[in-house]
Amino acid sequence: EYALLLFSSHSWAHGHHRDGLHALLSPEWQKGVEFYDLSVPEAHPLPCEGDDDRLVRMLAQRIEECDVVLLMAGMYSSHSYWIEVEANLARYFGKPILAIVPNGQIRLSTVATNASPYEPVRWRGDSIRSGILSVIDPQVRRNFLNAKQLRDTRLKQLIPREILPSYLGSSRPTNA
């Protein structure tokens, strides 16, 4: 099995965007199976106890391991020191950066849009998934899609056709 390693840079004050991102990805990609988010939610902070240098090192380790960094492009990103640090770390490690425009957002953060050479994607699951697949390393994309196809084929062989959509996500076709 192969899972994508994401890092969704976000502000703890807007942690609902991280949760919403997972919900948008999940109809097609299962969290913990097809993707993992290496970012740091407020509920599980890194054990740095106010040591900013240590926090930067720990964030750097996670960002170095991820396949793509997702930057929330809401205006709050322009006022977050840590989102800018994460964007700089992503550039340092040569990680693709994809800006995501939160639902209803008109004005965009220049921190997010300037960090990414790619067109920002809108707050829709298909748009975000396509954006991720278009910016990640081609070998990573092939490994991910091949593993996903293999898993879906195995599920189709094991699970009765009438309940298969609940395993694969309701929007997936059940025909082989």
C-alpha atoms as a PDB file:
ATOM      1  CA  GLU A   1       0.000   0.000   0.000  1.00  0.00           C
ATOM      2  CA  TYR A   2       1.120   3.543  -0.724  1.00  0.00           C
ATOM      3  CA  ALA A   3      -0.262   6.673   0.940  1.00  0.00           C
ATOM      4  CA  LEU A   4       0.370  10.317   0.158  1.00  0.00           C
ATOM      5  CA  LEU A   5       1.989  12.329   2.913  1.00  0.00           C
ATOM      6  CA  LEU A   6       0.412  15.771   3.068  1.00  0.00           C
ATOM      7  CA  PHE A   7       1.312  18.729   5.224  1.00  0.00           C
ATOM      8  CA  SER A   8      -1.631  21.117   5.480  1.00  0.00           C
ATOM      9  CA  SER A   9      -0.268  24.403   6.774  1.00  0.00           C
ATOM     10  CA  HIS A  10      -3.012  26.135   8.719  1.00  0.00           C
ATOM     11  CA  SER A  11      -3.637  28.435  11.636  1.00  0.00           C
ATOM     12  CA  TRP A  12      -4.861  26.819  14.856  1.00  0.00           C
ATOM     13  CA  ALA A  13      -7.463  29.581  15.051  1.00  0.00           C
ATOM     14  CA  HIS A  14      -8.803  28.187  11.759  1.00  0.00           C
ATOM     15  CA  GLY A  15      -8.276  24.475  12.465  1.00  0.00           C
ATOM     16  CA  HIS A  16     -11.702  23.797  10.987  1.00  0.00           C
ATOM     17  CA  HIS A  17     -10.106  24.368   7.573  1.00  0.00           C
ATOM     18  CA  ARG A  18      -7.750  21.436   8.189  1.00  0.00           C
ATOM     19  CA  ASP A  19     -10.686  19.256   9.251  1.00  0.00           C
ATOM     20  CA  GLY A  20     -12.726  20.458   6.275  1.00  0.00           C
ATOM     21  CA  LEU A  21      -9.865  19.639   3.936  1.00  0.00           C
ATOM     22  CA  HIS A  22      -9.823  16.063   5.228  1.00  0.00           C
ATOM     23  CA  ALA A  23     -13.590  15.824   4.699  1.00  0.00           C
ATOM     24  CA  LEU A  24     -13.225  17.060   1.104  1.00  0.00           C
ATOM     25  CA  LEU A  25     -10.479  14.541   0.325  1.00  0.00           C
ATOM     26  CA  SER A  26     -12.194  11.614   2.047  1.00  0.00           C
ATOM     27  CA  PRO A  27     -14.986  10.764  -0.399  1.00  0.00           C
ATOM     28  CA  GLU A  28     -12.304   9.477  -2.780  1.00  0.00           C
ATOM     29  CA  TRP A  29      -9.233   9.103  -0.563  1.00  0.00           C
ATOM     30  CA  GLN A  30      -9.398   7.477   2.869  1.00  0.00           C
ATOM     31  CA  LYS A  31      -7.531   9.200   5.677  1.00  0.00           C
ATOM     32  CA  GLY A  32      -5.060   6.763   7.220  1.00  0.00           C
ATOM     33  CA  VAL A  33      -5.112   4.572   4.105  1.00  0.00           C
ATOM     34  CA  GLU A  34      -4.526   6.800   1.082  1.00  0.00           C
ATOM     35  CA  PHE A  35      -3.322   9.938   2.816  1.00  0.00           C
ATOM     36  CA  TYR A  36      -1.793  11.070   6.063  1.00  0.00           C
ATOM     37  CA  ASP A  37      -1.554  14.673   7.187  1.00  0.00           C
ATOM     38  CA  LEU A  38       1.753  15.394   8.900  1.00  0.00           C
ATOM     39  CA  SER A  39       0.696  18.887   9.996  1.00  0.00           C
ATOM     40  CA  VAL A  40       0.220  19.739  13.647  1.00  0.00           C
ATOM     41  CA  PRO A  41      -3.368  20.104  14.888  1.00  0.00           C
ATOM     42  CA  GLU A  42      -4.017  22.138  18.024  1.00  0.00           C
ATOM     43  CA  ALA A  43      -5.252  19.010  19.805  1.00  0.00           C
ATOM     44  CA  HIS A  44      -1.829  17.372  19.336  1.00  0.00           C
ATOM     45  CA  PRO A  45       0.892  20.032  19.597  1.00  0.00           C
ATOM     46  CA  LEU A  46       4.543  19.111  19.231  1.00  0.00           C
ATOM     47  CA  PRO A  47       6.413  18.800  22.546  1.00  0.00           C
ATOM     48  CA  CYS A  48       8.474  21.978  22.264  1.00  0.00           C
ATOM     49  CA  GLU A  49       7.472  23.795  25.453  1.00  0.00           C
ATOM     50  CA  GLY A  50       8.017  27.279  24.019  1.00  0.00           C
ATOM     51  CA  ASP A  51      11.314  26.455  22.280  1.00  0.00           C
ATOM     52  CA  ASP A  52      10.784  27.978  18.828  1.00  0.00           C
ATOM     53  CA  ASP A  53      14.076  26.636  17.436  1.00  0.00           C
ATOM     54  CA  ARG A  54      13.071  23.103  18.404  1.00  0.00           C
ATOM     55  CA  LEU A  55       9.612  23.619  16.905  1.00  0.00           C
ATOM     56  CA  VAL A  56      11.151  24.746  13.597  1.00  0.00           C
ATOM     57  CA  ARG A  57      13.384  21.633  13.550  1.00  0.00           C
ATOM     58  CA  MET A  58      10.401  19.363  14.244  1.00  0.00           C
ATOM     59  CA  LEU A  59       8.286  21.046  11.553  1.00  0.00           C
ATOM     60  CA  ALA A  60      11.230  20.762   9.157  1.00  0.00           C
ATOM     61  CA  GLN A  61      11.392  16.981   9.722  1.00  0.00           C
ATOM     62  CA  ARG A  62       7.717  16.603   8.877  1.00  0.00           C
ATOM     63  CA  ILE A  63       7.845  18.875   5.838  1.00  0.00           C
ATOM     64  CA  GLU A  64      10.970  17.154   4.516  1.00  0.00           C
ATOM     65  CA  GLU A  65       9.091  13.811   4.579  1.00  0.00           C
ATOM     66  CA  CYS A  66       5.847  15.013   2.972  1.00  0.00           C
ATOM     67  CA  ASP A  67       4.908  14.745  -0.703  1.00  0.00           C
ATOM     68  CA  VAL A  68       3.149  18.127  -0.899  1.00  0.00           C
ATOM     69  CA  VAL A  69       2.498  21.156   1.308  1.00  0.00           C
ATOM     70  CA  LEU A  70      -1.021  22.550   1.212  1.00  0.00           C
ATOM     71  CA  LEU A  71      -1.296  26.218   2.197  1.00  0.00           C
ATOM     72  CA  MET A  72      -4.666  27.643   3.160  1.00  0.00           C
ATOM     73  CA  ALA A  73      -4.945  30.868   1.154  1.00  0.00           C
ATOM     74  CA  GLY A  74      -7.353  32.649   3.490  1.00  0.00           C
ATOM     75  CA  MET A  75      -6.333  36.167   4.514  1.00  0.00           C
ATOM     76  CA  TYR A  76      -5.400  34.926   7.991  1.00  0.00           C
ATOM     77  CA  SER A  77      -2.391  33.191   6.395  1.00  0.00           C
ATOM     78  CA  SER A  78      -0.879  36.617   5.738  1.00  0.00           C
ATOM     79  CA  HIS A  79      -0.859  37.265   9.478  1.00  0.00           C
ATOM     80  CA  SER A  80       0.546  33.919  10.632  1.00  0.00           C
ATOM     81  CA  TYR A  81       4.245  33.713  11.399  1.00  0.00           C
ATOM     82  CA  TRP A  82       4.129  29.907  11.439  1.00  0.00           C
ATOM     83  CA  ILE A  83       2.404  29.528   8.066  1.00  0.00           C
ATOM     84  CA  GLU A  84       5.176  31.637   6.550  1.00  0.00           C
ATOM     85  CA  VAL A  85       7.820  29.503   8.315  1.00  0.00           C
ATOM     86  CA  GLU A  86       6.185  26.332   6.932  1.00  0.00           C
ATOM     87  CA  ALA A  87       6.067  27.814   3.410  1.00  0.00           C
ATOM     88  CA  ASN A  88       9.760  28.734   3.653  1.00  0.00           C
ATOM     89  CA  LEU A  89      10.639  25.231   4.869  1.00  0.00           C
ATOM     90  CA  ALA A  90       8.704  23.717   1.954  1.00  0.00           C
ATOM     91  CA  ARG A  91      10.645  25.864  -0.508  1.00  0.00           C
ATOM     92  CA  TYR A  92      13.931  24.971   1.219  1.00  0.00           C
ATOM     93  CA  PHE A  93      13.217  21.242   0.828  1.00  0.00           C
ATOM     94  CA  GLY A  94      11.899  21.654  -2.730  1.00  0.00           C
ATOM     95  CA  LYS A  95       8.429  20.424  -1.838  1.00  0.00           C
ATOM     96  CA  PRO A  96       5.555  21.307  -4.139  1.00  0.00           C
ATOM     97  CA  ILE A  97       3.259  23.886  -2.557  1.00  0.00           C
ATOM     98  CA  LEU A  98      -0.420  24.090  -3.460  1.00  0.00           C
ATOM     99  CA  ALA A  99      -2.511  27.049  -2.274  1.00  0.00           C
ATOM    100  CA  ILE A 100      -6.112  26.210  -1.385  1.00  0.00           C
ATOM    101  CA  VAL A 101      -8.770  28.913  -1.442  1.00  0.00           C
ATOM    102  CA  PRO A 102     -11.203  28.453   1.459  1.00  0.00           C
ATOM    103  CA  ASN A 103     -14.877  28.421   0.557  1.00  0.00           C
ATOM    104  CA  GLY A 104     -16.255  31.901  -0.088  1.00  0.00           C
ATOM    105  CA  GLN A 105     -12.850  33.596   0.117  1.00  0.00           C
ATOM    106  CA  ILE A 106     -12.438  36.485  -2.319  1.00  0.00           C
ATOM    107  CA  ARG A 107      -9.200  38.109  -1.174  1.00  0.00           C
ATOM    108  CA  LEU A 108      -6.252  35.742  -1.031  1.00  0.00           C
ATOM    109  CA  SER A 109      -3.159  35.644   1.149  1.00  0.00           C
ATOM    110  CA  THR A 110      -0.019  36.648  -0.700  1.00  0.00           C
ATOM    111  CA  VAL A 111       1.954  34.403   1.674  1.00  0.00           C
ATOM    112  CA  ALA A 112       0.123  31.402   0.195  1.00  0.00           C
ATOM    113  CA  THR A 113      -0.171  32.528  -3.420  1.00  0.00           C
ATOM    114  CA  ASN A 114       3.415  33.801  -3.685  1.00  0.00           C
ATOM    115  CA  ALA A 115       4.807  30.603  -2.151  1.00  0.00           C
ATOM    116  CA  SER A 116       3.291  28.439  -4.863  1.00  0.00           C
ATOM    117  CA  PRO A 117       4.116  28.575  -8.581  1.00  0.00           C
ATOM    118  CA  TYR A 118       0.834  26.755  -9.259  1.00  0.00           C
ATOM    119  CA  GLU A 119      -2.633  28.181  -9.730  1.00  0.00           C
ATOM    120  CA  PRO A 120      -4.556  28.083  -6.407  1.00  0.00           C
ATOM    121  CA  VAL A 121      -7.301  25.471  -6.227  1.00  0.00           C
ATOM    122  CA  ARG A 122     -10.840  26.070  -4.974  1.00  0.00           C
ATOM    123  CA  TRP A 123     -12.474  24.503  -1.929  1.00  0.00           C
ATOM    124  CA  ARG A 124     -13.834  21.396  -3.715  1.00  0.00           C
ATOM    125  CA  GLY A 125     -12.642  17.847  -3.235  1.00  0.00           C
ATOM    126  CA  ASP A 126     -12.127  17.086  -6.927  1.00  0.00           C
ATOM    127  CA  SER A 127     -10.250  20.347  -7.449  1.00  0.00           C
ATOM    128  CA  ILE A 128      -7.954  19.730  -4.460  1.00  0.00           C
ATOM    129  CA  ARG A 129      -7.300  16.065  -5.334  1.00  0.00           C
ATOM    130  CA  SER A 130      -6.524  16.970  -8.973  1.00  0.00           C
ATOM    131  CA  GLY A 131      -4.293  19.811  -7.828  1.00  0.00           C
ATOM    132  CA  ILE A 132      -2.331  17.542  -5.502  1.00  0.00           C
ATOM    133  CA  LEU A 133      -1.854  14.902  -8.199  1.00  0.00           C
ATOM    134  CA  SER A 134      -0.725  17.526 -10.705  1.00  0.00           C
ATOM    135  CA  VAL A 135       2.023  18.995  -8.481  1.00  0.00           C
ATOM    136  CA  ILE A 136       3.545  15.936  -6.798  1.00  0.00           C
ATOM    137  CA  ASP A 137       6.558  14.083  -8.145  1.00  0.00           C
ATOM    138  CA  PRO A 138       5.511  11.870 -11.116  1.00  0.00           C
ATOM    139  CA  GLN A 139       6.933   8.709  -9.503  1.00  0.00           C
ATOM    140  CA  VAL A 140       5.035   9.404  -6.273  1.00  0.00           C
ATOM    141  CA  ARG A 141       1.853   9.943  -8.326  1.00  0.00           C
ATOM    142  CA  ARG A 142       2.354   6.648 -10.194  1.00  0.00           C
ATOM    143  CA  ASN A 143       3.004   4.722  -6.954  1.00  0.00           C
ATOM    144  CA  PHE A 144      -0.071   6.242  -5.336  1.00  0.00           C
ATOM    145  CA  LEU A 145      -2.414   5.627  -8.279  1.00  0.00           C
ATOM    146  CA  ASN A 146      -1.128   2.077  -8.825  1.00  0.00           C
ATOM    147  CA  ALA A 147      -1.592   1.176  -5.144  1.00  0.00           C
ATOM    148  CA  LYS A 148      -5.052   2.750  -5.133  1.00  0.00           C
ATOM    149  CA  GLN A 149      -6.080   0.849  -8.266  1.00  0.00           C
ATOM    150  CA  LEU A 150      -4.748  -2.422  -6.824  1.00  0.00           C
ATOM    151  CA  ARG A 151      -6.658  -1.892  -3.572  1.00  0.00           C
ATOM    152  CA  ASP A 152      -9.877  -0.997  -5.412  1.00  0.00           C
ATOM    153  CA  THR A 153      -9.540  -4.088  -7.627  1.00  0.00           C
ATOM    154  CA  ARG A 154      -9.043  -6.326  -4.570  1.00  0.00           C
ATOM    155  CA  LEU A 155     -12.089  -4.776  -2.874  1.00  0.00           C
ATOM    156  CA  LYS A 156     -14.198  -5.356  -5.990  1.00  0.00           C
ATOM    157  CA  GLN A 157     -13.255  -9.048  -5.851  1.00  0.00           C
ATOM    158  CA  LEU A 158     -14.045  -9.398  -2.137  1.00  0.00           C
ATOM    159  CA  ILE A 159     -17.104  -7.243  -1.548  1.00  0.00           C
ATOM    160  CA  PRO A 160     -20.568  -7.734  -3.078  1.00  0.00           C
ATOM    161  CA  ARG A 161     -21.296  -5.196  -5.814  1.00  0.00           C
ATOM    162  CA  GLU A 162     -24.374  -3.728  -4.065  1.00  0.00           C
ATOM    163  CA  ILE A 163     -22.415  -2.586  -0.982  1.00  0.00           C
ATOM    164  CA  LEU A 164     -19.127  -1.775  -2.703  1.00  0.00           C
ATOM    165  CA  PRO A 165     -19.853   1.994  -3.045  1.00  0.00           C
ATOM    166  CA  SER A 166     -19.812   2.346   0.752  1.00  0.00           C
ATOM    167  CA  TYR A 167     -16.241   0.987   0.768  1.00  0.00           C
ATOM    168  CA  LEU A 168     -14.958   2.960  -2.207  1.00  0.00           C
ATOM    169  CA  GLY A 169     -16.832   6.239  -1.695  1.00  0.00           C
ATOM    170  CA  SER A 170     -20.275   6.847  -3.098  1.00  0.00           C
ATOM    171  CA  SER A 171     -19.108   8.792  -6.146  1.00  0.00           C
ATOM    172  CA  ARG A 172     -16.950   5.977  -7.532  1.00  0.00           C
ATOM    173  CA  PRO A 173     -18.271   3.746 -10.286  1.00  0.00           C
ATOM    174  CA  THR A 174     -18.576   0.098  -9.370  1.00  0.00           C
ATOM    175  CA  ASN A 175     -17.938  -1.240 -12.895  1.00  0.00           C
ATOM    176  CA  ALA A 176     -14.582  -2.912 -13.482  1.00  0.00           C
END
